[in-house]
C-alpha atoms as a PDB file:
ATOM      1  CA  MET A   1      89.518  85.803 101.206  1.00  0.00           C
ATOM      2  CA  ASN A   2      86.333  88.273 100.402  1.00  0.00           C
ATOM      3  CA  THR A   3      83.572  88.400 103.499  1.00  0.00           C
ATOM      4  CA  ALA A   4      80.875  90.621 103.113  1.00  0.00           C
ATOM      5  CA  ALA A   5      81.600  94.303 104.577  1.00  0.00           C
ATOM      6  CA  GLY A   6      79.481  94.287 107.731  1.00  0.00           C
ATOM      7  CA  GLU A   7      80.061  90.345 108.961  1.00  0.00           C
ATOM      8  CA  ASN A   8      82.451  90.570 112.077  1.00  0.00           C
ATOM      9  CA  GLN A   9      84.417  93.603 112.458  1.00  0.00           C
ATOM     10  CA  PRO A  10      86.813  92.205 115.332  1.00  0.00           C
ATOM     11  CA  GLY A  11      88.763  95.861 114.939  1.00  0.00           C
ATOM     12  CA  PHE A  12      92.847  96.208 115.505  1.00  0.00           C
ATOM     13  CA  GLU A  13      93.560  98.261 118.483  1.00  0.00           C
ATOM     14  CA  ALA A  14      94.532 102.233 117.594  1.00  0.00           C
ATOM     15  CA  TYR A  15      97.879 103.004 118.195  1.00  0.00           C
ATOM     16  CA  HIS A  16      97.468 106.727 118.932  1.00  0.00           C
ATOM     17  CA  TYR A  17      94.848 107.602 121.461  1.00  0.00           C
ATOM     18  CA  ALA A  18      94.041 108.294 125.291  1.00  0.00           C
ATOM     19  CA  GLU A  19      92.034 107.070 127.555  1.00  0.00           C
ATOM     20  CA  LEU A  20      89.426 108.693 129.596  1.00  0.00           C
ATOM     21  CA  ASP A  21      88.286 108.398 133.356  1.00  0.00           C
ATOM     22  CA  SER A  22      84.921 108.574 132.093  1.00  0.00           C
ATOM     23  CA  GLY A  23      85.501 105.686 129.579  1.00  0.00           C
ATOM     24  CA  ASP A  24      85.908 107.906 126.639  1.00  0.00           C
ATOM     25  CA  VAL A  25      88.759 108.076 124.453  1.00  0.00           C
ATOM     26  CA  SER A  26      90.505 110.879 122.887  1.00  0.00           C
ATOM     27  CA  CYS A  27      91.464 109.562 119.550  1.00  0.00           C
ATOM     28  CA  GLU A  28      95.070 111.446 118.807  1.00  0.00           C
ATOM     29  CA  ILE A  29      95.233 110.551 114.978  1.00  0.00           C
ATOM     30  CA  CYS A  30      93.880 113.796 113.107  1.00  0.00           C
ATOM     31  CA  PHE A  31      93.563 117.204 113.893  1.00  0.00           C
ATOM     32  CA  ARG A  32      89.576 116.481 114.875  1.00  0.00           C
ATOM     33  CA  GLY A  33      90.911 114.678 117.960  1.00  0.00           C
ATOM     34  CA  CYS A  34      87.515 113.040 118.836  1.00  0.00           C
ATOM     35  CA  ARG A  35      86.465 112.173 121.695  1.00  0.00           C
ATOM     36  CA  ILE A  36      84.433 109.203 121.285  1.00  0.00           C
ATOM     37  CA  PRO A  37      82.097 107.564 124.008  1.00  0.00           C
ATOM     38  CA  PRO A  38      81.705 103.637 124.316  1.00  0.00           C
ATOM     39  CA  GLY A  39      80.006 101.841 121.636  1.00  0.00           C
ATOM     40  CA  GLU A  40      79.894 105.315 119.550  1.00  0.00           C
ATOM     41  CA  SER A  41      82.818 105.903 116.665  1.00  0.00           C
ATOM     42  CA  GLY A  42      84.689 108.719 115.646  1.00  0.00           C
ATOM     43  CA  PHE A  43      84.081 111.139 112.689  1.00  0.00           C
ATOM     44  CA  CYS A  44      85.556 109.041 110.334  1.00  0.00           C
ATOM     45  CA  ARG A  45      82.980 106.133 110.938  1.00  0.00           C
ATOM     46  CA  VAL A  46      85.868 103.437 111.761  1.00  0.00           C
ATOM     47  CA  ARG A  47      87.518 104.310 114.937  1.00  0.00           C
ATOM     48  CA  LYS A  48      85.630 102.733 117.479  1.00  0.00           C
ATOM     49  CA  ASN A  49      85.446 102.654 121.586  1.00  0.00           C
ATOM     50  CA  ARG A  50      84.984  99.484 122.833  1.00  0.00           C
ATOM     51  CA  ASP A  51      84.928  99.382 126.376  1.00  0.00           C
ATOM     52  CA  GLY A  52      87.003 102.045 127.051  1.00  0.00           C
ATOM     53  CA  LYS A  53      89.593 101.054 124.260  1.00  0.00           C
ATOM     54  CA  LEU A  54      89.710 102.386 120.639  1.00  0.00           C
ATOM     55  CA  TYR A  55      89.409 100.283 117.727  1.00  0.00           C
ATOM     56  CA  ASN A  56      90.564 100.343 113.705  1.00  0.00           C
ATOM     57  CA  LEU A  57      87.596  98.766 112.165  1.00  0.00           C
ATOM     58  CA  VAL A  58      89.283  98.326 108.853  1.00  0.00           C
ATOM     59  CA  TYR A  59      92.378  96.763 109.772  1.00  0.00           C
ATOM     60  CA  ALA A  60      93.630  94.585 107.603  1.00  0.00           C
ATOM     61  CA  ARG A  61      90.165  94.624 106.074  1.00  0.00           C
ATOM     62  CA  PRO A  62      91.161  96.847 102.478  1.00  0.00           C
ATOM     63  CA  SER A  63      87.755  97.248  99.667  1.00  0.00           C
ATOM     64  CA  ALA A  64      90.488  98.208  96.992  1.00  0.00           C
ATOM     65  CA  VAL A  65      93.799  96.657  96.024  1.00  0.00           C
ATOM     66  CA  ASN A  66      94.997  97.384  92.323  1.00  0.00           C
ATOM     67  CA  VAL A  67      98.042  98.028  90.257  1.00  0.00           C
ATOM     68  CA  ASP A  68      98.396 101.343  89.234  1.00  0.00           C
ATOM     69  CA  PRO A  69     100.750 103.743  87.167  1.00  0.00           C
ATOM     70  CA  VAL A  70     102.463 105.625  90.057  1.00  0.00           C
ATOM     71  CA  GLU A  71     101.304 108.902  87.477  1.00  0.00           C
ATOM     72  CA  LYS A  72      97.910 108.435  88.531  1.00  0.00           C
ATOM     73  CA  GLU A  73      98.715 109.519  92.233  1.00  0.00           C
ATOM     74  CA  PRO A  74      99.829 111.763  90.370  1.00  0.00           C
ATOM     75  CA  MET A  75     103.134 111.382  91.340  1.00  0.00           C
ATOM     76  CA  HIS A  76     105.899 112.723  88.330  1.00  0.00           C
ATOM     77  CA  HIS A  77     109.425 112.894  90.320  1.00  0.00           C
ATOM     78  CA  PHE A  78     109.151 109.551  92.073  1.00  0.00           C
ATOM     79  CA  HIS A  79     109.979 106.281  89.889  1.00  0.00           C
ATOM     80  CA  PRO A  80     108.374 107.717  86.847  1.00  0.00           C
ATOM     81  CA  GLY A  81     107.078 105.200  85.022  1.00  0.00           C
ATOM     82  CA  THR A  82     106.666 102.558  87.142  1.00  0.00           C
ATOM     83  CA  ASP A  83     103.313 100.659  88.556  1.00  0.00           C
ATOM     84  CA  ILE A  84     102.540 100.730  92.435  1.00  0.00           C
ATOM     85  CA  LEU A  85     100.242  98.214  94.711  1.00  0.00           C
ATOM     86  CA  CYS A  86      97.339 100.630  95.642  1.00  0.00           C
ATOM     87  CA  VAL A  87      95.660  99.908  98.930  1.00  0.00           C
ATOM     88  CA  GLY A  88      92.651 101.400 100.572  1.00  0.00           C
ATOM     89  CA  THR A  89      89.585 100.818 102.951  1.00  0.00           C
ATOM     90  CA  ALA A  90      86.308 102.756 103.461  1.00  0.00           C
ATOM     91  CA  SER A  91      85.784 106.153 104.790  1.00  0.00           C
ATOM     92  CA  CYS A  92      87.576 109.517 105.300  1.00  0.00           C
ATOM     93  CA  ASN A  93      87.948 112.241 107.719  1.00  0.00           C
ATOM     94  CA  PHE A  94      86.730 114.671 105.510  1.00  0.00           C
ATOM     95  CA  ARG A  95      83.370 115.169 103.627  1.00  0.00           C
ATOM     96  CA  CYS A  96      84.442 116.889 100.276  1.00  0.00           C
ATOM     97  CA  LYS A  97      81.336 117.620  98.172  1.00  0.00           C
ATOM     98  CA  PHE A  98      83.590 117.013  94.895  1.00  0.00           C
ATOM     99  CA  CYS A  99      85.005 113.481  96.230  1.00  0.00           C
ATOM    100  CA  HIS A 100      85.199 111.353  92.856  1.00  0.00           C
ATOM    101  CA  ASN A 101      86.154 108.162  95.270  1.00  0.00           C
ATOM    102  CA  TRP A 102      83.195 108.470  97.048  1.00  0.00           C
ATOM    103  CA  HIS A 103      81.602 105.085  96.937  1.00  0.00           C
ATOM    104  CA  LEU A 104      84.428 103.983  99.202  1.00  0.00           C
ATOM    105  CA  SER A 105      85.497 107.586 101.545  1.00  0.00           C
ATOM    106  CA  GLN A 106      82.156 108.580 102.042  1.00  0.00           C
ATOM    107  CA  ARG A 107      80.887 105.134 103.261  1.00  0.00           C
ATOM    108  CA  GLY A 108      81.583 103.064 106.372  1.00  0.00           C
ATOM    109  CA  PRO A 109      82.832  99.463 106.033  1.00  0.00           C
ATOM    110  CA  GLU A 110      79.640  98.221 106.351  1.00  0.00           C
ATOM    111  CA  GLU A 111      78.292 100.125 103.288  1.00  0.00           C
ATOM    112  CA  VAL A 112      81.279  99.338 100.917  1.00  0.00           C
ATOM    113  CA  GLY A 113      80.012  95.576  99.614  1.00  0.00           C
ATOM    114  CA  ARG A 114      83.028  93.419  99.852  1.00  0.00           C
ATOM    115  CA  ILE A 115      86.211  93.985 101.025  1.00  0.00           C
ATOM    116  CA  TYR A 116      89.544  91.848 101.491  1.00  0.00           C
ATOM    117  CA  GLU A 117      90.933  90.215 104.519  1.00  0.00           C
ATOM    118  CA  LEU A 118      94.576  90.772 103.682  1.00  0.00           C
ATOM    119  CA  GLN A 119      97.327  90.768 106.818  1.00  0.00           C
ATOM    120  CA  PRO A 120      99.904  93.251 106.328  1.00  0.00           C
ATOM    121  CA  GLU A 121     102.552  90.954 105.476  1.00  0.00           C
ATOM    122  CA  GLU A 122     100.344  89.374 102.509  1.00  0.00           C
ATOM    123  CA  ILE A 123      99.754  92.986 101.255  1.00  0.00           C
ATOM    124  CA  VAL A 124     103.888  93.251 101.001  1.00  0.00           C
ATOM    125  CA  GLN A 125     103.878  89.797  99.168  1.00  0.00           C
ATOM    126  CA  GLU A 126     101.198  90.640  97.003  1.00  0.00           C
ATOM    127  CA  ALA A 127     103.193  93.771  95.753  1.00  0.00           C
ATOM    128  CA  HIS A 128     106.543  91.245  95.278  1.00  0.00           C
ATOM    129  CA  ASN A 129     104.515  88.836  93.428  1.00  0.00           C
ATOM    130  CA  SER A 130     103.250  91.681  91.262  1.00  0.00           C
ATOM    131  CA  GLY A 131     106.478  92.555  90.447  1.00  0.00           C
ATOM    132  CA  VAL A 132     105.835  96.527  91.315  1.00  0.00           C
ATOM    133  CA  PRO A 133     108.761  98.520  93.050  1.00  0.00           C
ATOM    134  CA  SER A 134     106.459 100.737  95.439  1.00  0.00           C
ATOM    135  CA  ILE A 135     103.229 100.068  97.645  1.00  0.00           C
ATOM    136  CA  SER A 136     100.611 103.115  97.954  1.00  0.00           C
ATOM    137  CA  PHE A 137      97.805 103.875 100.614  1.00  0.00           C
ATOM    138  CA  THR A 138      95.588 105.747  98.795  1.00  0.00           C
ATOM    139  CA  TYR A 139      91.935 106.098  96.985  1.00  0.00           C
ATOM    140  CA  ASN A 140      90.475 106.951 100.265  1.00  0.00           C
ATOM    141  CA  GLU A 141      92.601 108.874 103.282  1.00  0.00           C
ATOM    142  CA  PRO A 142      95.137 107.056 104.762  1.00  0.00           C
ATOM    143  CA  THR A 143      94.760 108.551 107.964  1.00  0.00           C
ATOM    144  CA  VAL A 144      91.982 106.704 108.937  1.00  0.00           C
ATOM    145  CA  PHE A 145      93.600 103.046 108.558  1.00  0.00           C
ATOM    146  CA  TYR A 146      96.848 104.564 110.177  1.00  0.00           C
ATOM    147  CA  GLU A 147      97.796 101.297 111.768  1.00  0.00           C
ATOM    148  CA  TYR A 148      97.279  98.996 108.997  1.00  0.00           C
ATOM    149  CA  MET A 149      99.246 101.519 106.746  1.00  0.00           C
ATOM    150  CA  TYR A 150     101.763 101.936 109.333  1.00  0.00           C
ATOM    151  CA  ASP A 151     102.517  98.148 110.103  1.00  0.00           C
ATOM    152  CA  ILE A 152     102.498  97.638 106.098  1.00  0.00           C
ATOM    153  CA  ALA A 153     105.331 100.516 105.449  1.00  0.00           C
ATOM    154  CA  SER A 154     107.436  98.990 108.070  1.00  0.00           C
ATOM    155  CA  MET A 155     107.264  95.107 106.679  1.00  0.00           C
ATOM    156  CA  ALA A 156     107.723  96.558 103.274  1.00  0.00           C
ATOM    157  CA  GLN A 157     110.509  99.009 103.772  1.00  0.00           C
ATOM    158  CA  GLU A 158     112.711  95.822 104.790  1.00  0.00           C
ATOM    159  CA  THR A 159     111.819  93.789 102.007  1.00  0.00           C
ATOM    160  CA  GLY A 160     113.073  96.438  99.971  1.00  0.00           C
ATOM    161  CA  LEU A 161     109.764  98.126  98.625  1.00  0.00           C
ATOM    162  CA  ASN A 162     109.438 101.537  98.246  1.00  0.00           C
ATOM    163  CA  VAL A 163     106.289 102.900 100.201  1.00  0.00           C
ATOM    164  CA  ILE A 164     103.696 106.112  99.228  1.00  0.00           C
ATOM    165  CA  PHE A 165     100.664 107.295 100.514  1.00  0.00           C
ATOM    166  CA  HIS A 166      98.446 110.012  98.918  1.00  0.00           C
ATOM    167  CA  SER A 167      96.773 112.060 101.727  1.00  0.00           C
ATOM    168  CA  ASN A 168      94.517 114.812 102.532  1.00  0.00           C
ATOM    169  CA  GLY A 169      97.304 116.507 105.004  1.00  0.00           C
ATOM    170  CA  SER A 170      95.100 115.794 108.221  1.00  0.00           C
ATOM    171  CA  MET A 171      97.335 113.676 110.469  1.00  0.00           C
ATOM    172  CA  LYS A 172      98.613 115.159 113.667  1.00  0.00           C
ATOM    173  CA  GLU A 173     102.264 115.876 114.079  1.00  0.00           C
ATOM    174  CA  LYS A 174     103.470 112.685 116.294  1.00  0.00           C
ATOM    175  CA  PRO A 175     101.746 110.032 114.220  1.00  0.00           C
ATOM    176  CA  LEU A 176     102.886 111.653 110.905  1.00  0.00           C
ATOM    177  CA  ARG A 177     106.430 111.831 112.134  1.00  0.00           C
ATOM    178  CA  ASP A 178     105.983 108.102 113.278  1.00  0.00           C
ATOM    179  CA  LEU A 179     104.951 107.101 110.115  1.00  0.00           C
ATOM    180  CA  LEU A 180     107.358 109.465 107.852  1.00  0.00           C
ATOM    181  CA  GLU A 181     110.103 106.959 109.281  1.00  0.00           C
ATOM    182  CA  HIS A 182     108.912 104.289 106.676  1.00  0.00           C
ATOM    183  CA  ILE A 183     107.747 106.364 103.955  1.00  0.00           C
ATOM    184  CA  ASP A 184     109.417 107.340 100.774  1.00  0.00           C
ATOM    185  CA  ALA A 185     107.102 109.868  99.545  1.00  0.00           C
ATOM    186  CA  VAL A 186     103.844 111.724  99.944  1.00  0.00           C
ATOM    187  CA  THR A 187     101.087 113.300  97.639  1.00  0.00           C
ATOM    188  CA  VAL A 188      99.305 115.648  99.675  1.00  0.00           C
ATOM    189  CA  ASP A 189      95.964 117.210  98.019  1.00  0.00           C
ATOM    190  CA  LEU A 190      96.122 120.689  99.066  1.00  0.00           C
ATOM    191  CA  LYS A 191      92.186 121.741  98.203  1.00  0.00           C
ATOM    192  CA  ALA A 192      92.379 125.444  98.294  1.00  0.00           C
ATOM    193  CA  PHE A 193      93.971 128.196 100.106  1.00  0.00           C
ATOM    194  CA  THR A 194      91.606 129.662 101.957  1.00  0.00           C
ATOM    195  CA  ASP A 195      89.942 128.057 105.234  1.00  0.00           C
ATOM    196  CA  ASP A 196      86.547 129.055 103.972  1.00  0.00           C
ATOM    197  CA  PHE A 197      86.706 126.451 100.934  1.00  0.00           C
ATOM    198  CA  TYR A 198      87.924 123.784 103.656  1.00  0.00           C
ATOM    199  CA  ARG A 199      84.656 124.454 105.905  1.00  0.00           C
ATOM    200  CA  ASP A 200      82.305 124.616 103.303  1.00  0.00           C
ATOM    201  CA  ILE A 201      83.015 122.424 101.052  1.00  0.00           C
ATOM    202  CA  CYS A 202      85.362 119.572 103.419  1.00  0.00           C
ATOM    203  CA  GLN A 203      83.958 119.925 106.256  1.00  0.00           C
ATOM    204  CA  ALA A 204      87.907 120.154 107.792  1.00  0.00           C
ATOM    205  CA  ARG A 205      90.175 122.928 108.102  1.00  0.00           C
ATOM    206  CA  ARG A 206      93.061 124.283 106.011  1.00  0.00           C
ATOM    207  CA  ASP A 207      95.836 125.269 108.592  1.00  0.00           C
ATOM    208  CA  PRO A 208      96.730 121.419 109.859  1.00  0.00           C
ATOM    209  CA  VAL A 209      97.321 120.472 106.218  1.00  0.00           C
ATOM    210  CA  LEU A 210      99.923 123.274 105.972  1.00  0.00           C
ATOM    211  CA  GLU A 211     101.262 121.889 109.133  1.00  0.00           C
ATOM    212  CA  THR A 212     101.710 118.804 107.275  1.00  0.00           C
ATOM    213  CA  LEU A 213     103.389 119.776 104.460  1.00  0.00           C
ATOM    214  CA  LYS A 214     105.787 121.465 106.442  1.00  0.00           C
ATOM    215  CA  THR A 215     106.470 118.540 108.528  1.00  0.00           C
ATOM    216  CA  ILE A 216     107.079 116.016 105.713  1.00  0.00           C
ATOM    217  CA  GLU A 217     109.238 118.850 104.173  1.00  0.00           C
ATOM    218  CA  GLU A 218     111.274 118.912 107.118  1.00  0.00           C
ATOM    219  CA  GLU A 219     111.604 115.068 107.336  1.00  0.00           C
ATOM    220  CA  GLY A 220     113.093 115.196 104.229  1.00  0.00           C
ATOM    221  CA  VAL A 221     110.094 112.592 102.254  1.00  0.00           C
ATOM    222  CA  TRP A 222     109.645 113.586  98.714  1.00  0.00           C
ATOM    223  CA  LEU A 223     106.854 115.506  98.623  1.00  0.00           C
ATOM    224  CA  GLU A 224     104.234 116.296  95.541  1.00  0.00           C
ATOM    225  CA  ILE A 225     101.050 118.585  96.311  1.00  0.00           C
ATOM    226  CA  VAL A 226      98.005 118.189  94.123  1.00  0.00           C
ATOM    227  CA  ASN A 227      95.223 121.433  93.978  1.00  0.00           C
ATOM    228  CA  LEU A 228      91.617 120.177  92.014  1.00  0.00           C
ATOM    229  CA  ILE A 229      90.715 123.345  90.488  1.00  0.00           C
ATOM    230  CA  LEU A 230      86.982 123.454  91.283  1.00  0.00           C
ATOM    231  CA  PRO A 231      85.479 126.434  88.933  1.00  0.00           C
ATOM    232  CA  ASN A 232      84.591 129.827  90.969  1.00  0.00           C
ATOM    233  CA  HIS A 233      85.235 127.656  94.267  1.00  0.00           C
ATOM    234  CA  ASN A 234      89.051 128.151  94.701  1.00  0.00           C
ATOM    235  CA  ASP A 235      90.171 129.180  91.152  1.00  0.00           C
ATOM    236  CA  ASP A 236      90.886 132.681  92.434  1.00  0.00           C
ATOM    237  CA  LEU A 237      94.170 133.509  90.756  1.00  0.00           C
ATOM    238  CA  ALA A 238      95.229 135.911  93.934  1.00  0.00           C
ATOM    239  CA  ASP A 239      94.531 132.720  96.162  1.00  0.00           C
ATOM    240  CA  ILE A 240      96.716 130.451  93.731  1.00  0.00           C
ATOM    241  CA  ALA A 241      99.618 133.389  93.643  1.00  0.00           C
ATOM    242  CA  ASP A 242      99.381 133.179  97.818  1.00  0.00           C
ATOM    243  CA  MET A 243      99.635 129.386  97.537  1.00  0.00           C
ATOM    244  CA  SER A 244     102.602 129.254  95.279  1.00  0.00           C
ATOM    245  CA  SER A 245     104.636 131.599  96.784  1.00  0.00           C
ATOM    246  CA  TRP A 246     103.773 129.910 100.439  1.00  0.00           C
ATOM    247  CA  ILE A 247     104.714 126.664  99.262  1.00  0.00           C
ATOM    248  CA  VAL A 248     108.007 128.181  97.923  1.00  0.00           C
ATOM    249  CA  GLU A 249     108.915 130.191 101.007  1.00  0.00           C
ATOM    250  CA  GLU A 250     107.680 127.975 103.653  1.00  0.00           C
ATOM    251  CA  LEU A 251     108.590 124.540 101.524  1.00  0.00           C
ATOM    252  CA  ASN A 252     110.791 124.282  98.155  1.00  0.00           C
ATOM    253  CA  GLU A 253     110.779 125.866  94.931  1.00  0.00           C
ATOM    254  CA  ASP A 254     111.236 122.136  93.704  1.00  0.00           C
ATOM    255  CA  VAL A 255     108.385 120.857  95.078  1.00  0.00           C
ATOM    256  CA  PRO A 256     106.543 119.772  92.036  1.00  0.00           C
ATOM    257  CA  LEU A 257     102.722 121.079  92.217  1.00  0.00           C
ATOM    258  CA  HIS A 258      99.898 119.432  89.934  1.00  0.00           C
ATOM    259  CA  PHE A 259      96.515 121.537  89.146  1.00  0.00           C
ATOM    260  CA  SER A 260      94.293 118.937  88.334  1.00  0.00           C
ATOM    261  CA  ARG A 261      91.008 119.383  86.474  1.00  0.00           C
ATOM    262  CA  PHE A 262      87.532 118.645  88.004  1.00  0.00           C
ATOM    263  CA  MET A 263      84.872 116.614  86.920  1.00  0.00           C
ATOM    264  CA  PRO A 264      81.038 116.547  88.074  1.00  0.00           C
ATOM    265  CA  SER A 265      81.481 114.368  90.688  1.00  0.00           C
ATOM    266  CA  TYR A 266      79.321 113.489  93.939  1.00  0.00           C
ATOM    267  CA  GLN A 267      77.101 115.877  95.392  1.00  0.00           C
ATOM    268  CA  MET A 268      78.735 118.362  92.914  1.00  0.00           C
ATOM    269  CA  THR A 269      77.336 116.958  89.842  1.00  0.00           C
ATOM    270  CA  ASP A 270      75.475 120.499  88.404  1.00  0.00           C
ATOM    271  CA  LEU A 271      79.087 122.072  88.362  1.00  0.00           C
ATOM    272  CA  SER A 272      80.758 122.222  85.116  1.00  0.00           C
ATOM    273  CA  SER A 273      83.794 120.454  84.621  1.00  0.00           C
ATOM    274  CA  THR A 274      87.023 122.796  85.312  1.00  0.00           C
ATOM    275  CA  PRO A 275      87.846 124.762  81.865  1.00  0.00           C
ATOM    276  CA  VAL A 276      91.544 124.267  80.352  1.00  0.00           C
ATOM    277  CA  GLU A 277      92.142 127.751  80.493  1.00  0.00           C
ATOM    278  CA  THR A 278      91.511 128.350  83.943  1.00  0.00           C
ATOM    279  CA  LEU A 279      94.225 125.244  84.441  1.00  0.00           C
ATOM    280  CA  GLU A 280      96.752 127.048  82.227  1.00  0.00           C
ATOM    281  CA  ARG A 281      96.081 130.067  84.147  1.00  0.00           C
ATOM    282  CA  CYS A 282      96.825 128.694  87.312  1.00  0.00           C
ATOM    283  CA  ARG A 283      99.747 126.938  85.873  1.00  0.00           C
ATOM    284  CA  GLN A 284     101.180 130.508  84.775  1.00  0.00           C
ATOM    285  CA  THR A 285     100.722 132.008  88.115  1.00  0.00           C
ATOM    286  CA  ALA A 286     102.598 129.422  90.093  1.00  0.00           C
ATOM    287  CA  LEU A 287     105.131 129.728  87.951  1.00  0.00           C
ATOM    288  CA  GLU A 288     105.365 133.544  88.273  1.00  0.00           C
ATOM    289  CA  GLN A 289     106.003 132.373  91.899  1.00  0.00           C
ATOM    290  CA  GLY A 290     108.787 130.873  91.381  1.00  0.00           C
ATOM    291  CA  LEU A 291     107.554 126.890  91.610  1.00  0.00           C
ATOM    292  CA  LYS A 292     109.901 124.994  89.258  1.00  0.00           C
ATOM    293  CA  HIS A 293     107.620 122.229  88.400  1.00  0.00           C
ATOM    294  CA  VAL A 294     104.122 123.035  87.935  1.00  0.00           C
ATOM    295  CA  SER A 295     101.523 120.610  85.624  1.00  0.00           C
ATOM    296  CA  ILE A 296      98.149 119.956  84.192  1.00  0.00           C
ATOM    297  CA  GLY A 297      95.688 117.164  84.759  1.00  0.00           C
ATOM    298  CA  ASN A 298      93.298 115.297  84.213  1.00  0.00           C
ATOM    299  CA  VAL A 299      93.310 116.675  80.987  1.00  0.00           C
ATOM    300  CA  PRO A 300      94.835 113.928  78.569  1.00  0.00           C
ATOM    301  CA  GLY A 301      97.392 115.026  75.792  1.00  0.00           C
ATOM    302  CA  HIS A 302      97.826 118.349  77.852  1.00  0.00           C
ATOM    303  CA  GLU A 303     101.506 119.373  77.078  1.00  0.00           C
ATOM    304  CA  ALA A 304     101.942 120.663  80.827  1.00  0.00           C
ATOM    305  CA  ASN A 305     100.992 117.076  81.982  1.00  0.00           C
ATOM    306  CA  SER A 306     105.167 116.321  80.928  1.00  0.00           C
ATOM    307  CA  THR A 307     107.873 117.688  82.450  1.00  0.00           C
ATOM    308  CA  PHE A 308     109.933 120.208  81.607  1.00  0.00           C
ATOM    309  CA  CYS A 309     113.722 121.295  82.892  1.00  0.00           C
ATOM    310  CA  PRO A 310     113.660 124.682  84.260  1.00  0.00           C
ATOM    311  CA  GLY A 311     116.970 125.614  83.075  1.00  0.00           C
ATOM    312  CA  CYS A 312     116.833 125.507  79.577  1.00  0.00           C
ATOM    313  CA  GLY A 313     113.034 124.461  78.819  1.00  0.00           C
ATOM    314  CA  GLU A 314     113.506 121.107  77.162  1.00  0.00           C
ATOM    315  CA  LYS A 315     110.898 117.985  77.912  1.00  0.00           C
ATOM    316  CA  LEU A 316     112.554 115.436  80.428  1.00  0.00           C
ATOM    317  CA  ILE A 317     109.678 113.366  81.198  1.00  0.00           C
ATOM    318  CA  SER A 318     107.034 112.865  77.926  1.00  0.00           C
ATOM    319  CA  ARG A 319     103.592 111.946  79.146  1.00  0.00           C
ATOM    320  CA  HIS A 320     100.260 110.792  77.937  1.00  0.00           C
ATOM    321  CA  HIS A 321      97.906 110.773  80.904  1.00  0.00           C
ATOM    322  CA  PHE A 322      99.519 108.488  83.131  1.00  0.00           C
ATOM    323  CA  THR A 323     101.666 106.850  80.419  1.00  0.00           C
ATOM    324  CA  VAL A 324     105.434 108.010  80.295  1.00  0.00           C
ATOM    325  CA  HIS A 325     106.878 108.004  77.120  1.00  0.00           C
ATOM    326  CA  ASP A 326     110.604 109.459  77.429  1.00  0.00           C
ATOM    327  CA  ILE A 327     112.875 110.064  80.286  1.00  0.00           C
ATOM    328  CA  ASN A 328     115.655 112.474  79.430  1.00  0.00           C
ATOM    329  CA  ILE A 329     117.392 112.272  83.099  1.00  0.00           C
ATOM    330  CA  THR A 330     120.514 110.994  83.542  1.00  0.00           C
ATOM    331  CA  ASP A 331     122.199 110.994  87.495  1.00  0.00           C
ATOM    332  CA  GLY A 332     119.095 113.313  88.464  1.00  0.00           C
ATOM    333  CA  SER A 333     119.736 115.908  86.477  1.00  0.00           C
ATOM    334  CA  CYS A 334     119.135 116.888  82.656  1.00  0.00           C
ATOM    335  CA  GLN A 335     120.289 115.289  79.824  1.00  0.00           C
ATOM    336  CA  TYR A 336     120.482 118.362  77.544  1.00  0.00           C
ATOM    337  CA  CYS A 337     121.646 121.285  79.874  1.00  0.00           C
ATOM    338  CA  GLY A 338     122.769 119.113  83.082  1.00  0.00           C
ATOM    339  CA  THR A 339     120.667 121.625  85.534  1.00  0.00           C
ATOM    340  CA  GLU A 340     119.720 119.233  88.680  1.00  0.00           C
ATOM    341  CA  ILE A 341     116.239 118.146  88.576  1.00  0.00           C
ATOM    342  CA  ALA A 342     114.919 117.136  92.254  1.00  0.00           C
ATOM    343  CA  GLY A 343     113.055 114.013  92.544  1.00  0.00           C
ATOM    344  CA  VAL A 344     113.660 110.128  93.538  1.00  0.00           C
ATOM    345  CA  TRP A 345     115.076 108.735  89.674  1.00  0.00           C
ATOM    346  CA  GLY A 346     116.089 105.289  90.902  1.00  0.00           C
END
């Protein structure tokens, strides 16, 4: 059922917040910890204080529900070649100037046109009806619709579906650990390795993202990282080296890292697309720091969008953009030399 986005926003009581004596509430879902007076919403626009209680305005009200390839997340080492049911809502808790999904993420629910009314069980049933093995929470930042994601995830796993989400990595530790009990894999955008970039370009902070990455690794949930490279903003090779060595030392050398090409968008349409040579230098730098699986994305046809064995160098998964043509992994190992390849293969 479709309704106009501004109509009838009933809301759903939030899972992680504190009621304060003043009638304000403290949202405990992300690093911002917004203190929200009665009648007001937090930074994300969709978590609102109504009479001293916090409500999520986009629960069961997604703005996008589509079937996409899992490679589009991007996720290269989790059931490659399969499709996922993607779910997203309005708004975000970052303000990235380069966002390519700004028509959803940088708008409140009353601004996105039409939305769907779909309860968690209906999303789960839609996944089964579509014949996909996985549900993904993506498009905008899933942290802002945490309750909806949590309820769908717990139901989905009970019916045999995989559950993944694509995040900016801003969730607080307690809600994150609770959620990860029902999650099979996560893609996290590590937007840069400097706090200046996060502050100036995203109105956010870097360190909470690093803590999120460590928590996901500790919980044993499959993790992949995306770094969108913006020319002259986060492409310094010294920072790329620091980021890559941090991933090796604090997480795991097997964590896939995707360097993705920026295309002019939103408030940064005056910035040129990332030169392919820049992406190639970033990839080489990351490999030199010890990461085993480093890819280049948003460059259709580039050889480095495929997956290669870190042992013998043979191509294991042949891709063209989001399409998988060939998989040469058997029982989690390279078919050519037997090297174990980290991932979730089936």
